[in-house]
Amino acid sequence: MGEKRAFALRIQAETLKELERWAQEEFRSVNGQIEFILSDALRKRKKPKATAPVGGEASDKVDEPGV
């Protein structure tokens, strides 16, 4: 794991309250919860995306009425 760096985060009061509740439910600090959420989002972002829907092929066709 790399070096940790500090930075200021401006956040809405209500959002912070919700993060505090969520962190408490998962036995983490608010900072730990934010790191967990960000790491999870970055990991999900790196996953390859499927190009075709399950059970069929992707289609660019648009159904036109009356055709």
N, C-alpha and C. Protein backbone atom coordinates (compact mmCIF):
# COMPACT_ATOMS: atom_id res chain seq x y z
N MET A 1 0.85 -1.17 0.00
CA MET A 1 0.00 0.00 0.00
C MET A 1 0.89 1.23 0.00
N GLY A 2 0.46 2.25 -0.71
CA GLY A 2 1.26 3.46 -0.84
C GLY A 2 1.13 4.40 0.35
N GLU A 3 1.84 5.47 0.22
CA GLU A 3 1.85 6.51 1.25
C GLU A 3 0.48 7.17 1.33
N LYS A 4 0.03 7.49 2.53
CA LYS A 4 -1.24 8.18 2.72
C LYS A 4 -0.98 9.67 2.79
N ARG A 5 -1.88 10.44 2.18
CA ARG A 5 -1.76 11.89 2.18
C ARG A 5 -3.04 12.49 2.73
N ALA A 6 -2.91 13.57 3.45
CA ALA A 6 -4.05 14.26 4.02
C ALA A 6 -4.52 15.37 3.08
N PHE A 7 -5.84 15.60 3.07
CA PHE A 7 -6.38 16.74 2.32
C PHE A 7 -7.71 17.14 2.95
N ALA A 8 -8.09 18.38 2.73
CA ALA A 8 -9.35 18.88 3.29
C ALA A 8 -10.50 18.44 2.40
N LEU A 9 -11.60 18.06 3.02
CA LEU A 9 -12.79 17.65 2.29
C LEU A 9 -13.96 18.49 2.78
N ARG A 10 -14.56 19.23 1.87
CA ARG A 10 -15.76 19.99 2.22
C ARG A 10 -16.95 19.09 1.91
N ILE A 11 -17.85 18.95 2.88
CA ILE A 11 -18.97 18.02 2.72
C ILE A 11 -20.19 18.59 3.42
N GLN A 12 -21.35 18.35 2.86
CA GLN A 12 -22.59 18.81 3.46
C GLN A 12 -22.78 18.17 4.83
N ALA A 13 -23.32 18.92 5.77
CA ALA A 13 -23.49 18.43 7.15
C ALA A 13 -24.34 17.16 7.19
N GLU A 14 -25.42 17.11 6.44
CA GLU A 14 -26.30 15.93 6.43
C GLU A 14 -25.58 14.72 5.85
N THR A 15 -24.78 14.92 4.83
CA THR A 15 -24.00 13.83 4.24
C THR A 15 -23.02 13.28 5.25
N LEU A 16 -22.38 14.16 5.99
CA LEU A 16 -21.43 13.73 7.02
C LEU A 16 -22.14 12.93 8.11
N LYS A 17 -23.33 13.38 8.52
CA LYS A 17 -24.09 12.64 9.53
C LYS A 17 -24.40 11.22 9.04
N GLU A 18 -24.81 11.08 7.78
CA GLU A 18 -25.12 9.77 7.22
C GLU A 18 -23.86 8.90 7.15
N LEU A 19 -22.73 9.50 6.76
CA LEU A 19 -21.47 8.76 6.73
C LEU A 19 -21.07 8.29 8.12
N GLU A 20 -21.28 9.15 9.11
CA GLU A 20 -20.97 8.77 10.50
C GLU A 20 -21.82 7.58 10.94
N ARG A 21 -23.11 7.60 10.60
CA ARG A 21 -23.99 6.48 10.96
C ARG A 21 -23.55 5.19 10.26
N TRP A 22 -23.27 5.30 8.96
CA TRP A 22 -22.86 4.15 8.16
C TRP A 22 -21.56 3.57 8.70
N ALA A 23 -20.59 4.45 8.97
CA ALA A 23 -19.30 4.00 9.49
C ALA A 23 -19.48 3.28 10.83
N GLN A 24 -20.32 3.82 11.68
CA GLN A 24 -20.56 3.21 12.99
C GLN A 24 -21.17 1.82 12.83
N GLU A 25 -22.11 1.67 11.89
CA GLU A 25 -22.73 0.37 11.64
C GLU A 25 -21.72 -0.68 11.19
N GLU A 26 -20.69 -0.25 10.49
CA GLU A 26 -19.69 -1.17 9.96
C GLU A 26 -18.40 -1.16 10.77
N PHE A 27 -18.46 -0.55 11.97
CA PHE A 27 -17.32 -0.53 12.89
C PHE A 27 -16.06 0.06 12.26
N ARG A 28 -16.24 1.18 11.56
CA ARG A 28 -15.12 1.90 10.95
C ARG A 28 -15.16 3.35 11.41
N SER A 29 -14.02 4.02 11.26
CA SER A 29 -14.01 5.47 11.44
C SER A 29 -14.62 6.09 10.19
N VAL A 30 -14.98 7.35 10.26
CA VAL A 30 -15.52 8.03 9.08
C VAL A 30 -14.46 8.03 7.98
N ASN A 31 -13.21 8.32 8.35
CA ASN A 31 -12.14 8.31 7.37
C ASN A 31 -12.00 6.92 6.73
N GLY A 32 -12.05 5.88 7.56
CA GLY A 32 -11.95 4.51 7.05
C GLY A 32 -13.11 4.17 6.13
N GLN A 33 -14.31 4.66 6.48
CA GLN A 33 -15.49 4.40 5.65
C GLN A 33 -15.35 5.08 4.30
N ILE A 34 -14.89 6.33 4.29
CA ILE A 34 -14.70 7.05 3.03
C ILE A 34 -13.66 6.34 2.16
N GLU A 35 -12.56 5.90 2.78
CA GLU A 35 -11.54 5.15 2.03
C GLU A 35 -12.12 3.86 1.47
N PHE A 36 -12.93 3.16 2.26
CA PHE A 36 -13.54 1.91 1.81
C PHE A 36 -14.46 2.16 0.61
N ILE A 37 -15.31 3.17 0.71
CA ILE A 37 -16.25 3.49 -0.37
C ILE A 37 -15.50 3.86 -1.65
N LEU A 38 -14.48 4.69 -1.51
CA LEU A 38 -13.71 5.11 -2.69
C LEU A 38 -12.96 3.93 -3.31
N SER A 39 -12.34 3.10 -2.49
CA SER A 39 -11.62 1.93 -3.00
C SER A 39 -12.56 0.98 -3.73
N ASP A 40 -13.75 0.76 -3.15
CA ASP A 40 -14.73 -0.12 -3.77
C ASP A 40 -15.20 0.44 -5.11
N ALA A 41 -15.46 1.74 -5.16
CA ALA A 41 -15.90 2.37 -6.40
C ALA A 41 -14.81 2.28 -7.48
N LEU A 42 -13.57 2.49 -7.10
CA LEU A 42 -12.47 2.41 -8.06
C LEU A 42 -12.28 0.98 -8.57
N ARG A 43 -12.42 0.00 -7.66
CA ARG A 43 -12.29 -1.40 -8.06
C ARG A 43 -13.39 -1.77 -9.05
N LYS A 44 -14.63 -1.35 -8.77
CA LYS A 44 -15.76 -1.64 -9.67
C LYS A 44 -15.58 -0.95 -11.01
N ARG A 45 -15.01 0.22 -11.00
CA ARG A 45 -14.81 0.99 -12.24
C ARG A 45 -13.82 0.29 -13.16
N LYS A 46 -12.85 -0.44 -12.60
CA LYS A 46 -11.83 -1.11 -13.38
C LYS A 46 -12.29 -2.42 -13.99
N LYS A 47 -13.43 -2.98 -13.51
CA LYS A 47 -13.93 -4.25 -14.05
C LYS A 47 -14.32 -4.07 -15.51
N PRO A 48 -14.00 -5.06 -16.35
CA PRO A 48 -14.43 -4.96 -17.75
C PRO A 48 -15.95 -5.02 -17.85
N LYS A 49 -16.48 -4.26 -18.77
CA LYS A 49 -17.92 -4.21 -18.94
C LYS A 49 -18.34 -5.18 -20.05
N ALA A 50 -19.45 -5.85 -19.85
CA ALA A 50 -19.98 -6.76 -20.86
C ALA A 50 -20.45 -5.96 -22.07
N THR A 51 -20.22 -6.52 -23.27
CA THR A 51 -20.61 -5.80 -24.48
C THR A 51 -21.96 -6.24 -24.99
N ALA A 52 -22.44 -7.43 -24.61
CA ALA A 52 -23.73 -7.92 -25.06
C ALA A 52 -24.58 -8.31 -23.85
N PRO A 53 -25.88 -8.11 -23.95
CA PRO A 53 -26.76 -8.52 -22.85
C PRO A 53 -26.72 -10.03 -22.67
N VAL A 54 -27.00 -10.50 -21.48
CA VAL A 54 -27.01 -11.93 -21.19
C VAL A 54 -28.11 -12.59 -21.99
N GLY A 55 -27.78 -13.71 -22.65
CA GLY A 55 -28.78 -14.48 -23.39
C GLY A 55 -29.07 -13.96 -24.77
N GLY A 56 -28.33 -13.01 -25.26
CA GLY A 56 -28.59 -12.50 -26.60
C GLY A 56 -27.44 -11.67 -27.11
N GLU A 57 -27.61 -11.19 -28.30
CA GLU A 57 -26.57 -10.36 -28.90
C GLU A 57 -26.98 -8.90 -28.83
N ALA A 58 -26.00 -8.05 -28.78
CA ALA A 58 -26.27 -6.61 -28.77
C ALA A 58 -26.78 -6.20 -30.13
N SER A 59 -27.69 -5.26 -30.14
CA SER A 59 -28.25 -4.78 -31.39
C SER A 59 -28.33 -3.27 -31.37
N ASP A 60 -27.96 -2.66 -32.49
CA ASP A 60 -28.07 -1.21 -32.61
C ASP A 60 -29.37 -0.83 -33.31
N LYS A 61 -30.18 -1.82 -33.70
CA LYS A 61 -31.41 -1.55 -34.42
C LYS A 61 -32.43 -0.88 -33.50
N VAL A 62 -33.19 0.01 -34.08
CA VAL A 62 -34.27 0.67 -33.36
C VAL A 62 -35.56 0.23 -34.04
N ASP A 63 -36.48 -0.29 -33.25
CA ASP A 63 -37.76 -0.71 -33.83
C ASP A 63 -38.52 0.52 -34.30
N GLU A 64 -38.93 0.46 -35.58
CA GLU A 64 -39.70 1.57 -36.13
C GLU A 64 -41.13 1.11 -36.28
N PRO A 65 -42.08 1.92 -35.83
CA PRO A 65 -43.48 1.52 -35.96
C PRO A 65 -43.90 1.41 -37.41
N GLY A 66 -44.70 0.37 -37.71
CA GLY A 66 -45.23 0.21 -39.04
C GLY A 66 -44.26 -0.35 -40.06
N VAL A 67 -43.11 -0.84 -39.64
CA VAL A 67 -42.14 -1.38 -40.61
C VAL A 67 -42.08 -2.87 -40.48
